[in-house]
Protein backbone atom coordinates (compact mmCIF):
# COMPACT_ATOMS: atom_id res chain seq x y z
CA MET A 1 0.00 0.00 0.00
CA GLN A 2 2.73 2.48 0.85
CA SER A 3 4.43 2.36 -2.56
CA TYR A 4 1.04 2.37 -4.30
CA PHE A 5 -0.07 5.48 -2.42
CA ALA A 6 3.28 7.23 -2.94
CA ALA A 7 3.22 6.42 -6.67
CA LEU A 8 -0.28 7.84 -7.06
CA VAL A 9 0.55 11.05 -5.23
CA MET A 10 3.85 11.66 -7.06
CA LEU A 11 2.36 10.93 -10.49
CA SER A 12 -0.63 13.14 -9.77
CA ILE A 13 1.52 16.10 -8.72
CA ALA A 14 3.75 15.71 -11.79
CA ALA A 15 0.78 15.61 -14.15
CA PHE A 16 -0.91 18.52 -12.35
CA ILE A 17 2.15 20.76 -12.56
CA GLU A 18 2.61 19.99 -16.27
CA GLY A 19 -1.04 20.78 -16.91
CA ARG A 20 -0.90 24.07 -14.99
CA SER A 21 2.38 25.30 -16.50
CA SER A 22 0.97 26.67 -19.73
CA THR A 23 2.93 29.94 -19.83
CA ALA A 24 6.40 30.04 -21.31
CA GLY A 25 7.96 31.34 -18.09
CA LEU A 26 6.88 28.24 -16.18
CA ARG A 27 8.24 25.75 -18.71
CA PRO A 28 11.84 24.80 -19.46
CA SER A 29 13.38 27.17 -21.99
CA HIS A 30 15.44 24.49 -23.75
CA PRO A 31 13.19 22.74 -26.35
CA PRO A 32 14.31 19.15 -25.57
CA ALA A 33 13.77 19.78 -21.85
CA ASP A 34 10.34 21.24 -22.59
CA ARG A 35 9.47 18.17 -24.67
CA ALA A 36 10.64 15.87 -21.84
CA PHE A 37 8.62 17.92 -19.33
CA ARG A 38 5.49 17.65 -21.46
CA ASN A 39 5.93 13.93 -22.18
CA LEU A 40 6.68 13.02 -18.57
CA GLY A 41 3.61 14.93 -17.43
CA ARG A 42 1.35 13.15 -19.90
CA VAL A 43 2.83 9.74 -19.16
CA SER A 44 2.37 10.46 -15.45
CA LEU A 45 -1.31 11.17 -15.99
CA ALA A 46 -1.78 7.97 -18.02
CA VAL A 47 0.03 5.81 -15.47
CA TRP A 48 -1.87 7.50 -12.61
CA LEU A 49 -5.17 6.59 -14.26
CA GLY A 50 -3.94 3.06 -14.95
CA MET A 51 -2.77 2.62 -11.36
CA LEU A 52 -6.17 3.76 -10.07
CA ALA A 53 -7.95 1.29 -12.36
CA TRP A 54 -5.55 -1.51 -11.45
CA GLY A 55 -5.97 -0.76 -7.75
CA ALA A 56 -9.75 -0.79 -8.06
CA VAL A 57 -9.59 -4.30 -9.51
CA VAL A 58 -6.80 -5.87 -7.44
CA LEU A 59 -6.62 -4.03 -4.11
CA PRO A 60 -9.22 -3.50 -1.39
CA TRP A 61 -11.59 -0.64 -2.23
CA TRP A 62 -10.18 1.75 0.37
CA GLN A 63 -6.66 1.79 -1.06
CA PRO A 64 -7.51 3.35 -4.46
CA LEU A 65 -9.92 5.69 -2.69
CA ALA A 66 -7.19 6.79 -0.27
CA GLY A 67 -4.78 7.26 -3.20
CA PHE A 68 -7.33 9.36 -5.08
CA ALA A 69 -8.06 11.50 -2.02
CA GLY A 70 -4.35 11.91 -1.30
CA SER A 71 -3.73 12.94 -4.88
CA LEU A 72 -6.45 15.57 -4.72
CA ALA A 73 -5.09 16.89 -1.42
CA ALA A 74 -1.53 17.07 -2.77
CA ASN A 75 -2.72 18.89 -5.89
CA ALA A 76 -4.64 21.36 -3.73
CA LEU A 77 -1.45 22.11 -1.79
CA VAL A 78 0.47 22.68 -5.03
CA LEU A 79 -2.29 24.94 -6.31
CA GLN A 80 -2.29 26.90 -3.07
CA ALA A 81 1.49 27.40 -3.28
CA GLY A 82 1.12 29.17 -6.61
CA PRO A 83 3.43 29.13 -9.63
CA ARG A 84 7.11 28.63 -8.91
CA PRO A 85 10.09 28.70 -11.29
CA GLY A 86 11.32 25.35 -9.94
CA TRP A 87 8.12 23.51 -10.84
CA PRO A 88 9.36 21.90 -14.07
CA GLY A 89 12.35 20.30 -12.38
CA MET A 90 10.28 19.17 -9.42
CA ALA A 91 7.60 17.76 -11.73
CA MET A 92 10.12 15.81 -13.81
CA GLY A 93 11.75 14.41 -10.66
CA LEU A 94 8.40 13.43 -9.19
CA ALA A 95 7.37 11.85 -12.48
CA LEU A 96 10.49 9.68 -12.56
CA ALA A 97 10.13 8.77 -8.88
CA GLY A 98 6.43 8.04 -9.34
CA LEU A 99 7.06 5.86 -12.38
CA GLY A 100 9.68 3.98 -10.39
CA ALA A 101 7.30 3.50 -7.46
CA ALA A 102 4.55 2.34 -9.83
CA SER A 103 6.94 -0.16 -11.43
CA TRP A 104 7.97 -1.38 -7.98
CA THR A 105 4.35 -1.78 -6.90
CA LEU A 106 3.33 -3.67 -10.01
CA SER A 107 6.43 -5.90 -9.99
CA ARG A 108 5.65 -7.01 -6.43
CA HIS A 109 2.18 -8.17 -7.47
CA PHE A 110 3.17 -10.10 -10.61
């Protein structure tokens, strides 16, 4: 449960930051870094949705619900903090960590 919850929260924050960073000042200025930022954010959203669906099928009902609620709470905290210049780096780091935690969670169940 702990790695599942952590993966959901990290992936959610990464996808949320990528979705909210629409202005040029909040995105990486280097085109390949901007492309990586965009792709990691979209992959994070897809894996987050997949992890929720997988959890709803395999895990007890309260675990995906807790992950969803935790994701919403974490996104609310990010929204409350407001735009920051370090968001792209933080989002890419959280995306990589979240993808790693999701891989770890799924590998333990298969």
